[in-house]
C-alpha atoms as a PDB file:
ATOM      1  CA  MET A   1      75.617 -23.590   3.723  1.00  0.00           C
ATOM      2  CA  THR A   2      75.284 -24.144   0.076  1.00  0.00           C
ATOM      3  CA  LYS A   3      75.650 -20.978  -2.241  1.00  0.00           C
ATOM      4  CA  ARG A   4      72.992 -20.761  -4.903  1.00  0.00           C
ATOM      5  CA  GLU A   5      73.991 -19.679  -8.421  1.00  0.00           C
ATOM      6  CA  PRO A   6      71.918 -16.737  -9.665  1.00  0.00           C
ATOM      7  CA  HIS A   7      69.086 -17.570 -12.236  1.00  0.00           C
ATOM      8  CA  TRP A   8      69.887 -15.138 -15.070  1.00  0.00           C
ATOM      9  CA  HIS A   9      67.329 -13.987 -17.733  1.00  0.00           C
ATOM     10  CA  LYS A  10      67.369 -11.527 -20.308  1.00  0.00           C
ATOM     11  CA  SER A  11      65.772  -8.147 -19.080  1.00  0.00           C
ATOM     12  CA  SER A  12      62.378  -7.398 -20.425  1.00  0.00           C
ATOM     13  CA  TYR A  13      63.464  -3.712 -20.776  1.00  0.00           C
ATOM     14  CA  SER A  14      66.271  -4.886 -23.094  1.00  0.00           C
ATOM     15  CA  GLY A  15      65.738  -3.610 -26.796  1.00  0.00           C
ATOM     16  CA  GLY A  16      66.161  -5.652 -30.046  1.00  0.00           C
ATOM     17  CA  SER A  17      69.416  -3.724 -30.889  1.00  0.00           C
ATOM     18  CA  GLY A  18      71.591  -6.313 -29.347  1.00  0.00           C
ATOM     19  CA  SER A  19      72.387  -4.070 -26.285  1.00  0.00           C
ATOM     20  CA  CYS A  20      70.921  -6.525 -23.765  1.00  0.00           C
ATOM     21  CA  VAL A  21      71.445  -6.835 -20.001  1.00  0.00           C
ATOM     22  CA  GLU A  22      70.642 -10.018 -17.959  1.00  0.00           C
ATOM     23  CA  VAL A  23      69.182  -9.748 -14.428  1.00  0.00           C
ATOM     24  CA  ALA A  24      69.001 -12.187 -11.555  1.00  0.00           C
ATOM     25  CA  GLU A  25      66.534 -11.302  -8.682  1.00  0.00           C
ATOM     26  CA  GLY A  26      66.900 -12.455  -5.226  1.00  0.00           C
ATOM     27  CA  GLU A  27      68.106 -10.620  -1.986  1.00  0.00           C
ATOM     28  CA  ALA A  28      69.975  -8.487  -4.356  1.00  0.00           C
ATOM     29  CA  VAL A  29      69.289  -7.677  -7.960  1.00  0.00           C
ATOM     30  CA  LEU A  30      72.325  -8.508 -10.176  1.00  0.00           C
ATOM     31  CA  VAL A  31      72.753  -6.914 -13.500  1.00  0.00           C
ATOM     32  CA  ARG A  32      75.213  -7.799 -16.364  1.00  0.00           C
ATOM     33  CA  ASP A  33      75.957  -7.114 -19.898  1.00  0.00           C
ATOM     34  CA  THR A  34      74.913 -10.102 -22.003  1.00  0.00           C
ATOM     35  CA  GLN A  35      77.805  -9.645 -24.453  1.00  0.00           C
ATOM     36  CA  ASN A  36      80.426  -9.248 -21.628  1.00  0.00           C
ATOM     37  CA  ARG A  37      79.349 -11.735 -18.929  1.00  0.00           C
ATOM     38  CA  GLY A  38      82.936 -12.275 -17.919  1.00  0.00           C
ATOM     39  CA  LEU A  39      83.369  -8.757 -16.582  1.00  0.00           C
ATOM     40  CA  GLY A  40      80.929  -9.546 -13.786  1.00  0.00           C
ATOM     41  CA  HIS A  41      77.776  -7.837 -12.553  1.00  0.00           C
ATOM     42  CA  ILE A  42      76.506  -4.871 -10.591  1.00  0.00           C
ATOM     43  CA  ASP A  43      74.417  -5.423  -7.462  1.00  0.00           C
ATOM     44  CA  TYR A  44      71.311  -3.429  -6.619  1.00  0.00           C
ATOM     45  CA  THR A  45      69.067  -3.559  -3.645  1.00  0.00           C
ATOM     46  CA  PRO A  46      65.532  -4.507  -4.845  1.00  0.00           C
ATOM     47  CA  GLY A  47      64.359  -1.002  -3.905  1.00  0.00           C
ATOM     48  CA  ALA A  48      67.138   0.731  -5.952  1.00  0.00           C
ATOM     49  CA  TRP A  49      66.323  -1.411  -9.001  1.00  0.00           C
ATOM     50  CA  THR A  50      62.620  -0.657  -8.718  1.00  0.00           C
ATOM     51  CA  SER A  51      63.306   3.175  -8.525  1.00  0.00           C
ATOM     52  CA  PHE A  52      65.791   2.923 -11.699  1.00  0.00           C
ATOM     53  CA  LEU A  53      63.253   1.073 -13.710  1.00  0.00           C
ATOM     54  CA  HIS A  54      60.519   3.535 -12.588  1.00  0.00           C
ATOM     55  CA  CYS A  55      62.662   6.487 -13.718  1.00  0.00           C
ATOM     56  CA  VAL A  56      63.796   4.955 -17.257  1.00  0.00           C
ATOM     57  CA  THR A  57      60.116   4.249 -18.175  1.00  0.00           C
ATOM     58  CA  LEU A  58      58.768   7.779 -17.313  1.00  0.00           C
ATOM     59  CA  PRO A  59      57.653   9.408 -20.480  1.00  0.00           C
ATOM     60  CA  VAL A  60      60.002  11.989 -21.968  1.00  0.00           C
ATOM     61  CA  PRO A  61      58.483  15.460 -22.190  1.00  0.00           C
END
């Protein structure tokens, strides 16, 4: 079986301050720091990633 390399893209939720993350979606969602790619990534289930995005986009009271 051939291992497929992840297709990384800058998260649309990254701001313009230079603090960016890259995301690769697939069976798992992989997240890494754009400026420190060599440090690896964090894996999330698609459901956990969706929940995280929902929570960080809620309006602040």
